[in-house]
Amino acid sequence: MKTVDGLGDATIIDLLAEIGSFAHYRDPRQLVKLAGLTLKENSSGQRKGQKHISKRGRKRLRSVLFRAMIPLIRHNEAFRELHEYYTTRPVNPLTGKQSIVALCRKLLNVLFAICTKKQAFDAERMKQDVLSQVQRAA
């Protein structure tokens, strides 16, 4: 987890205290659900409502992730580029806080992969994953 530039010791300790062992989870989506970062839509009948995060998970974990993302955006070039992309993309640009929440979810996925596969953080691979998702959607 220390291979991610911008994550300090105190942040890593807080994350591990809230998450526990990554061996308890089979899929990163379980971590996303634990943090309450899954999307829910408030719709009724023909009307489609806006999507918001569910907030049904651990409030402290969401707080630690959000507070960790601010220095990550500032000091980690990969997360900074993704934040700029999410806020300036031509189709469906996100607001600043929406982008940070999306990056919190991305960070959980990255940390899960780092801890379960015992690999170092690879910024280029993370950016390529996002670009491949965009190309598949187009």
N, C-alpha and C. Protein backbone atom coordinates (compact mmCIF):
# COMPACT_ATOMS: atom_id res chain seq x y z
N MET A 1 0.82 -1.20 0.00
CA MET A 1 0.00 0.00 0.00
C MET A 1 0.86 1.25 0.00
N LYS A 2 2.10 1.12 0.45
CA LYS A 2 2.99 2.27 0.48
C LYS A 2 3.50 2.63 -0.92
N THR A 3 3.23 1.80 -1.91
CA THR A 3 3.70 2.10 -3.26
C THR A 3 2.86 3.18 -3.92
N VAL A 4 1.73 3.53 -3.35
CA VAL A 4 0.88 4.59 -3.89
C VAL A 4 1.38 5.92 -3.33
N ASP A 5 1.91 6.77 -4.21
CA ASP A 5 2.40 8.08 -3.78
C ASP A 5 1.24 8.92 -3.26
N GLY A 6 1.44 9.51 -2.08
CA GLY A 6 0.41 10.36 -1.51
C GLY A 6 -0.33 9.71 -0.36
N LEU A 7 -0.18 8.39 -0.19
CA LEU A 7 -0.79 7.71 0.96
C LEU A 7 0.23 7.63 2.08
N GLY A 8 -0.08 8.24 3.20
CA GLY A 8 0.82 8.24 4.33
C GLY A 8 0.57 7.08 5.27
N ASP A 9 1.45 6.94 6.25
CA ASP A 9 1.33 5.85 7.22
C ASP A 9 0.04 5.95 8.02
N ALA A 10 -0.31 7.15 8.47
CA ALA A 10 -1.52 7.32 9.28
C ALA A 10 -2.77 6.95 8.48
N THR A 11 -2.79 7.32 7.21
CA THR A 11 -3.94 7.00 6.36
C THR A 11 -4.05 5.49 6.15
N ILE A 12 -2.92 4.85 5.91
CA ILE A 12 -2.93 3.40 5.71
C ILE A 12 -3.41 2.69 6.97
N ILE A 13 -2.97 3.16 8.13
CA ILE A 13 -3.41 2.56 9.39
C ILE A 13 -4.91 2.75 9.58
N ASP A 14 -5.41 3.95 9.29
CA ASP A 14 -6.85 4.19 9.41
C ASP A 14 -7.65 3.30 8.47
N LEU A 15 -7.17 3.16 7.23
CA LEU A 15 -7.87 2.31 6.26
C LEU A 15 -7.89 0.85 6.72
N LEU A 16 -6.75 0.36 7.18
CA LEU A 16 -6.69 -1.03 7.62
C LEU A 16 -7.52 -1.26 8.88
N ALA A 17 -7.60 -0.25 9.74
CA ALA A 17 -8.43 -0.37 10.94
C ALA A 17 -9.90 -0.50 10.58
N GLU A 18 -10.34 0.20 9.56
CA GLU A 18 -11.74 0.14 9.15
C GLU A 18 -12.05 -1.09 8.30
N ILE A 19 -11.12 -1.45 7.43
CA ILE A 19 -11.37 -2.56 6.49
C ILE A 19 -11.04 -3.91 7.12
N GLY A 20 -9.97 -3.96 7.87
CA GLY A 20 -9.49 -5.24 8.39
C GLY A 20 -8.60 -5.90 7.34
N SER A 21 -8.60 -7.20 7.32
CA SER A 21 -7.79 -7.94 6.37
C SER A 21 -8.49 -8.00 5.01
N PHE A 22 -7.72 -7.79 3.96
CA PHE A 22 -8.28 -7.88 2.62
C PHE A 22 -8.61 -9.33 2.26
N ALA A 23 -8.09 -10.28 3.01
CA ALA A 23 -8.37 -11.69 2.75
C ALA A 23 -9.83 -12.04 3.05
N HIS A 24 -10.52 -11.20 3.80
CA HIS A 24 -11.92 -11.46 4.13
C HIS A 24 -12.86 -11.16 2.96
N TYR A 25 -12.35 -10.54 1.92
CA TYR A 25 -13.19 -10.10 0.81
C TYR A 25 -12.78 -10.83 -0.47
N ARG A 26 -13.76 -11.32 -1.20
CA ARG A 26 -13.49 -12.02 -2.45
C ARG A 26 -13.43 -11.07 -3.64
N ASP A 27 -14.11 -9.94 -3.53
CA ASP A 27 -14.27 -9.05 -4.66
C ASP A 27 -14.16 -7.60 -4.19
N PRO A 28 -13.60 -6.71 -4.99
CA PRO A 28 -13.51 -5.31 -4.55
C PRO A 28 -14.88 -4.64 -4.38
N ARG A 29 -15.90 -5.20 -5.04
CA ARG A 29 -17.24 -4.63 -4.88
C ARG A 29 -17.75 -4.77 -3.45
N GLN A 30 -17.26 -5.79 -2.74
CA GLN A 30 -17.63 -5.94 -1.33
C GLN A 30 -17.06 -4.79 -0.51
N LEU A 31 -15.85 -4.35 -0.84
CA LEU A 31 -15.26 -3.20 -0.15
C LEU A 31 -16.02 -1.92 -0.46
N VAL A 32 -16.43 -1.77 -1.71
CA VAL A 32 -17.19 -0.59 -2.11
C VAL A 32 -18.51 -0.55 -1.36
N LYS A 33 -19.14 -1.69 -1.21
CA LYS A 33 -20.39 -1.76 -0.46
C LYS A 33 -20.16 -1.48 1.02
N LEU A 34 -19.05 -1.98 1.56
CA LEU A 34 -18.71 -1.73 2.96
C LEU A 34 -18.54 -0.24 3.22
N ALA A 35 -17.99 0.47 2.25
CA ALA A 35 -17.78 1.91 2.39
C ALA A 35 -19.04 2.72 2.10
N GLY A 36 -20.06 2.10 1.54
CA GLY A 36 -21.29 2.82 1.22
C GLY A 36 -21.15 3.68 -0.02
N LEU A 37 -20.29 3.27 -0.94
CA LEU A 37 -20.06 4.03 -2.17
C LEU A 37 -20.81 3.47 -3.36
N THR A 38 -21.73 2.54 -3.13
CA THR A 38 -22.55 2.02 -4.23
C THR A 38 -23.59 3.07 -4.60
N LEU A 39 -24.03 3.05 -5.85
CA LEU A 39 -25.01 4.02 -6.31
C LEU A 39 -26.42 3.51 -6.09
N LYS A 40 -27.31 4.42 -5.74
CA LYS A 40 -28.74 4.08 -5.67
C LYS A 40 -29.50 5.15 -6.45
N GLU A 41 -30.57 4.71 -7.08
CA GLU A 41 -31.38 5.62 -7.89
C GLU A 41 -32.74 5.77 -7.24
N ASN A 42 -33.18 6.99 -7.11
CA ASN A 42 -34.50 7.27 -6.54
C ASN A 42 -35.46 7.52 -7.69
N SER A 43 -36.16 6.46 -8.11
CA SER A 43 -37.08 6.59 -9.24
C SER A 43 -38.44 6.02 -8.85
N SER A 44 -39.46 6.48 -9.56
CA SER A 44 -40.81 6.03 -9.29
C SER A 44 -41.59 6.03 -10.60
N GLY A 45 -42.11 4.88 -10.97
CA GLY A 45 -42.90 4.80 -12.19
C GLY A 45 -42.08 5.17 -13.42
N GLN A 46 -42.57 6.16 -14.17
CA GLN A 46 -41.90 6.61 -15.39
C GLN A 46 -40.71 7.52 -15.09
N ARG A 47 -40.72 8.14 -13.92
CA ARG A 47 -39.69 9.13 -13.58
C ARG A 47 -38.40 8.44 -13.13
N LYS A 48 -37.31 8.87 -13.73
CA LYS A 48 -36.01 8.38 -13.32
C LYS A 48 -35.34 9.45 -12.48
N GLY A 49 -34.97 9.09 -11.28
CA GLY A 49 -34.33 10.04 -10.38
C GLY A 49 -32.83 10.07 -10.56
N GLN A 50 -32.20 10.97 -9.84
CA GLN A 50 -30.74 11.06 -9.90
C GLN A 50 -30.12 9.93 -9.08
N LYS A 51 -28.89 9.61 -9.42
CA LYS A 51 -28.18 8.58 -8.68
C LYS A 51 -27.29 9.24 -7.64
N HIS A 52 -27.29 8.68 -6.44
CA HIS A 52 -26.48 9.16 -5.34
C HIS A 52 -25.79 7.95 -4.71
N ILE A 53 -24.75 8.19 -3.91
CA ILE A 53 -24.16 7.08 -3.19
C ILE A 53 -25.12 6.66 -2.09
N SER A 54 -25.10 5.38 -1.76
CA SER A 54 -26.11 4.85 -0.84
C SER A 54 -25.86 5.25 0.61
N LYS A 55 -24.62 5.45 1.01
CA LYS A 55 -24.24 5.80 2.39
C LYS A 55 -24.68 4.74 3.39
N ARG A 56 -24.85 3.51 2.95
CA ARG A 56 -25.29 2.45 3.85
C ARG A 56 -24.12 1.73 4.49
N GLY A 57 -22.92 2.16 4.20
CA GLY A 57 -21.75 1.50 4.76
C GLY A 57 -21.18 2.27 5.93
N ARG A 58 -19.91 2.07 6.15
CA ARG A 58 -19.22 2.69 7.28
C ARG A 58 -18.88 4.14 6.98
N LYS A 59 -19.42 5.01 7.80
CA LYS A 59 -19.22 6.44 7.61
C LYS A 59 -17.75 6.81 7.78
N ARG A 60 -17.10 6.21 8.75
CA ARG A 60 -15.70 6.54 9.02
C ARG A 60 -14.81 6.11 7.85
N LEU A 61 -15.10 4.98 7.23
CA LEU A 61 -14.32 4.53 6.08
C LEU A 61 -14.48 5.51 4.92
N ARG A 62 -15.70 5.96 4.67
CA ARG A 62 -15.92 6.96 3.62
C ARG A 62 -15.14 8.23 3.94
N SER A 63 -15.15 8.63 5.20
CA SER A 63 -14.46 9.84 5.61
C SER A 63 -12.95 9.71 5.41
N VAL A 64 -12.39 8.58 5.79
CA VAL A 64 -10.94 8.35 5.62
C VAL A 64 -10.58 8.35 4.14
N LEU A 65 -11.40 7.71 3.32
CA LEU A 65 -11.13 7.68 1.88
C LEU A 65 -11.18 9.08 1.28
N PHE A 66 -12.19 9.86 1.67
CA PHE A 66 -12.34 11.21 1.12
C PHE A 66 -11.16 12.08 1.54
N ARG A 67 -10.77 11.98 2.83
CA ARG A 67 -9.64 12.78 3.32
C ARG A 67 -8.32 12.33 2.71
N ALA A 68 -8.21 11.06 2.34
CA ALA A 68 -6.99 10.55 1.71
C ALA A 68 -6.91 10.99 0.25
N MET A 69 -8.06 11.21 -0.37
CA MET A 69 -8.07 11.52 -1.80
C MET A 69 -7.55 12.93 -2.09
N ILE A 70 -7.74 13.88 -1.17
CA ILE A 70 -7.30 15.25 -1.42
C ILE A 70 -5.78 15.31 -1.65
N PRO A 71 -4.93 14.76 -0.73
CA PRO A 71 -3.49 14.78 -1.02
C PRO A 71 -3.11 13.87 -2.19
N LEU A 72 -3.87 12.80 -2.42
CA LEU A 72 -3.56 11.94 -3.56
C LEU A 72 -3.72 12.70 -4.87
N ILE A 73 -4.78 13.49 -4.97
CA ILE A 73 -4.99 14.28 -6.19
C ILE A 73 -3.87 15.30 -6.34
N ARG A 74 -3.41 15.83 -5.24
CA ARG A 74 -2.37 16.86 -5.28
C ARG A 74 -1.00 16.28 -5.60
N HIS A 75 -0.67 15.08 -5.06
CA HIS A 75 0.70 14.57 -5.15
C HIS A 75 0.87 13.39 -6.11
N ASN A 76 -0.19 12.71 -6.48
CA ASN A 76 -0.09 11.55 -7.35
C ASN A 76 -0.61 11.94 -8.73
N GLU A 77 0.28 11.88 -9.70
CA GLU A 77 -0.07 12.36 -11.04
C GLU A 77 -1.19 11.55 -11.69
N ALA A 78 -1.22 10.26 -11.45
CA ALA A 78 -2.27 9.42 -12.06
C ALA A 78 -3.64 9.81 -11.54
N PHE A 79 -3.78 9.99 -10.24
CA PHE A 79 -5.07 10.38 -9.68
C PHE A 79 -5.43 11.82 -10.08
N ARG A 80 -4.42 12.69 -10.21
CA ARG A 80 -4.68 14.06 -10.65
C ARG A 80 -5.22 14.08 -12.07
N GLU A 81 -4.61 13.28 -12.95
CA GLU A 81 -5.08 13.22 -14.34
C GLU A 81 -6.50 12.65 -14.42
N LEU A 82 -6.78 11.64 -13.62
CA LEU A 82 -8.14 11.08 -13.62
C LEU A 82 -9.15 12.10 -13.11
N HIS A 83 -8.77 12.85 -12.07
CA HIS A 83 -9.66 13.88 -11.54
C HIS A 83 -9.95 14.94 -12.60
N GLU A 84 -8.91 15.37 -13.30
CA GLU A 84 -9.10 16.35 -14.38
C GLU A 84 -9.97 15.77 -15.49
N TYR A 85 -9.76 14.50 -15.82
CA TYR A 85 -10.56 13.87 -16.87
C TYR A 85 -12.02 13.81 -16.46
N TYR A 86 -12.30 13.36 -15.24
CA TYR A 86 -13.69 13.24 -14.79
C TYR A 86 -14.40 14.58 -14.75
N THR A 87 -13.69 15.65 -14.41
CA THR A 87 -14.34 16.95 -14.29
C THR A 87 -14.43 17.70 -15.61
N THR A 88 -13.64 17.31 -16.61
CA THR A 88 -13.64 18.05 -17.88
C THR A 88 -14.06 17.21 -19.08
N ARG A 89 -14.47 15.98 -18.87
CA ARG A 89 -14.84 15.16 -20.02
C ARG A 89 -16.06 15.76 -20.71
N PRO A 90 -16.15 15.62 -22.04
CA PRO A 90 -17.22 16.28 -22.78
C PRO A 90 -18.61 15.70 -22.49
N VAL A 91 -18.69 14.41 -22.25
CA VAL A 91 -19.98 13.77 -21.98
C VAL A 91 -20.07 13.47 -20.49
N ASN A 92 -21.10 14.01 -19.84
CA ASN A 92 -21.35 13.78 -18.42
C ASN A 92 -20.17 14.14 -17.52
N PRO A 93 -19.73 15.41 -17.53
CA PRO A 93 -18.65 15.79 -16.61
C PRO A 93 -19.16 15.78 -15.17
N LEU A 94 -18.30 15.41 -14.25
CA LEU A 94 -18.66 15.34 -12.84
C LEU A 94 -18.25 16.63 -12.14
N THR A 95 -18.93 16.93 -11.04
CA THR A 95 -18.49 18.05 -10.21
C THR A 95 -17.25 17.60 -9.44
N GLY A 96 -16.63 18.52 -8.74
CA GLY A 96 -15.42 18.20 -8.01
C GLY A 96 -15.61 17.10 -6.98
N LYS A 97 -16.66 17.22 -6.17
CA LYS A 97 -16.90 16.22 -5.12
C LYS A 97 -17.33 14.88 -5.72
N GLN A 98 -18.11 14.90 -6.80
CA GLN A 98 -18.50 13.65 -7.45
C GLN A 98 -17.26 12.93 -7.98
N SER A 99 -16.33 13.70 -8.54
CA SER A 99 -15.10 13.12 -9.04
C SER A 99 -14.28 12.51 -7.91
N ILE A 100 -14.23 13.19 -6.77
CA ILE A 100 -13.47 12.67 -5.63
C ILE A 100 -14.09 11.37 -5.12
N VAL A 101 -15.42 11.29 -5.08
CA VAL A 101 -16.09 10.06 -4.64
C VAL A 101 -15.81 8.93 -5.63
N ALA A 102 -15.82 9.23 -6.92
CA ALA A 102 -15.51 8.21 -7.93
C ALA A 102 -14.07 7.73 -7.76
N LEU A 103 -13.17 8.65 -7.43
CA LEU A 103 -11.77 8.27 -7.22
C LEU A 103 -11.59 7.49 -5.92
N CYS A 104 -12.43 7.75 -4.92
CA CYS A 104 -12.40 6.95 -3.69
C CYS A 104 -12.72 5.49 -4.00
N ARG A 105 -13.71 5.31 -4.84
CA ARG A 105 -14.07 3.95 -5.26
C ARG A 105 -12.92 3.31 -6.04
N LYS A 106 -12.29 4.10 -6.90
CA LYS A 106 -11.15 3.61 -7.68
C LYS A 106 -10.00 3.23 -6.75
N LEU A 107 -9.77 4.04 -5.71
CA LEU A 107 -8.70 3.76 -4.76
C LEU A 107 -8.95 2.43 -4.03
N LEU A 108 -10.20 2.18 -3.65
CA LEU A 108 -10.52 0.90 -3.01
C LEU A 108 -10.20 -0.28 -3.94
N ASN A 109 -10.55 -0.14 -5.21
CA ASN A 109 -10.25 -1.20 -6.18
C ASN A 109 -8.74 -1.40 -6.32
N VAL A 110 -7.99 -0.30 -6.37
CA VAL A 110 -6.54 -0.38 -6.51
C VAL A 110 -5.92 -1.03 -5.27
N LEU A 111 -6.34 -0.61 -4.09
CA LEU A 111 -5.79 -1.17 -2.85
C LEU A 111 -6.11 -2.66 -2.73
N PHE A 112 -7.31 -3.05 -3.15
CA PHE A 112 -7.68 -4.47 -3.13
C PHE A 112 -6.74 -5.27 -4.04
N ALA A 113 -6.48 -4.75 -5.24
CA ALA A 113 -5.60 -5.45 -6.18
C ALA A 113 -4.17 -5.51 -5.65
N ILE A 114 -3.70 -4.42 -5.06
CA ILE A 114 -2.34 -4.39 -4.51
C ILE A 114 -2.18 -5.43 -3.41
N CYS A 115 -3.14 -5.50 -2.52
CA CYS A 115 -3.02 -6.39 -1.36
C CYS A 115 -3.28 -7.85 -1.68
N THR A 116 -4.18 -8.14 -2.60
CA THR A 116 -4.49 -9.53 -2.89
C THR A 116 -3.53 -10.14 -3.91
N LYS A 117 -3.05 -9.35 -4.85
CA LYS A 117 -2.14 -9.87 -5.88
C LYS A 117 -0.68 -9.63 -5.55
N LYS A 118 -0.41 -8.93 -4.45
CA LYS A 118 0.96 -8.66 -3.99
C LYS A 118 1.79 -7.98 -5.07
N GLN A 119 1.20 -6.95 -5.70
CA GLN A 119 1.89 -6.20 -6.74
C GLN A 119 2.04 -4.75 -6.31
N ALA A 120 2.98 -4.06 -6.91
CA ALA A 120 3.15 -2.64 -6.65
C ALA A 120 2.13 -1.85 -7.47
N PHE A 121 1.90 -0.61 -7.07
CA PHE A 121 0.96 0.27 -7.76
C PHE A 121 1.52 0.62 -9.13
N ASP A 122 0.70 0.46 -10.16
CA ASP A 122 1.09 0.78 -11.53
C ASP A 122 0.13 1.84 -12.06
N ALA A 123 0.60 3.08 -12.12
CA ALA A 123 -0.25 4.20 -12.52
C ALA A 123 -0.69 4.08 -13.98
N GLU A 124 0.20 3.63 -14.84
CA GLU A 124 -0.14 3.52 -16.26
C GLU A 124 -1.25 2.50 -16.48
N ARG A 125 -1.19 1.40 -15.76
CA ARG A 125 -2.23 0.38 -15.90
C ARG A 125 -3.58 0.91 -15.43
N MET A 126 -3.57 1.68 -14.35
CA MET A 126 -4.82 2.24 -13.84
C MET A 126 -5.43 3.20 -14.87
N LYS A 127 -4.60 4.04 -15.48
CA LYS A 127 -5.11 4.97 -16.49
C LYS A 127 -5.61 4.23 -17.72
N GLN A 128 -4.91 3.15 -18.12
CA GLN A 128 -5.35 2.38 -19.28
C GLN A 128 -6.69 1.70 -19.03
N ASP A 129 -6.92 1.25 -17.78
CA ASP A 129 -8.20 0.63 -17.45
C ASP A 129 -9.34 1.62 -17.66
N VAL A 130 -9.15 2.86 -17.25
CA VAL A 130 -10.19 3.88 -17.41
C VAL A 130 -10.40 4.19 -18.88
N LEU A 131 -9.31 4.33 -19.64
CA LEU A 131 -9.43 4.63 -21.06
C LEU A 131 -10.10 3.48 -21.81
N SER A 132 -9.82 2.24 -21.44
CA SER A 132 -10.46 1.12 -22.13
C SER A 132 -11.95 1.07 -21.83
N GLN A 133 -12.35 1.46 -20.62
CA GLN A 133 -13.78 1.51 -20.30
C GLN A 133 -14.47 2.59 -21.12
N VAL A 134 -13.80 3.72 -21.33
CA VAL A 134 -14.38 4.81 -22.12
C VAL A 134 -14.53 4.37 -23.57
N GLN A 135 -13.53 3.68 -24.10
CA GLN A 135 -13.59 3.24 -25.49
C GLN A 135 -14.67 2.18 -25.70
N ARG A 136 -14.88 1.30 -24.70
CA ARG A 136 -15.93 0.30 -24.81
C ARG A 136 -17.31 0.94 -24.79
N ALA A 137 -17.46 2.03 -24.04
CA ALA A 137 -18.75 2.70 -23.93
C ALA A 137 -19.08 3.48 -25.20
N ALA A 138 -18.06 3.90 -25.94
CA ALA A 138 -18.28 4.71 -27.14
C ALA A 138 -18.71 3.91 -28.32
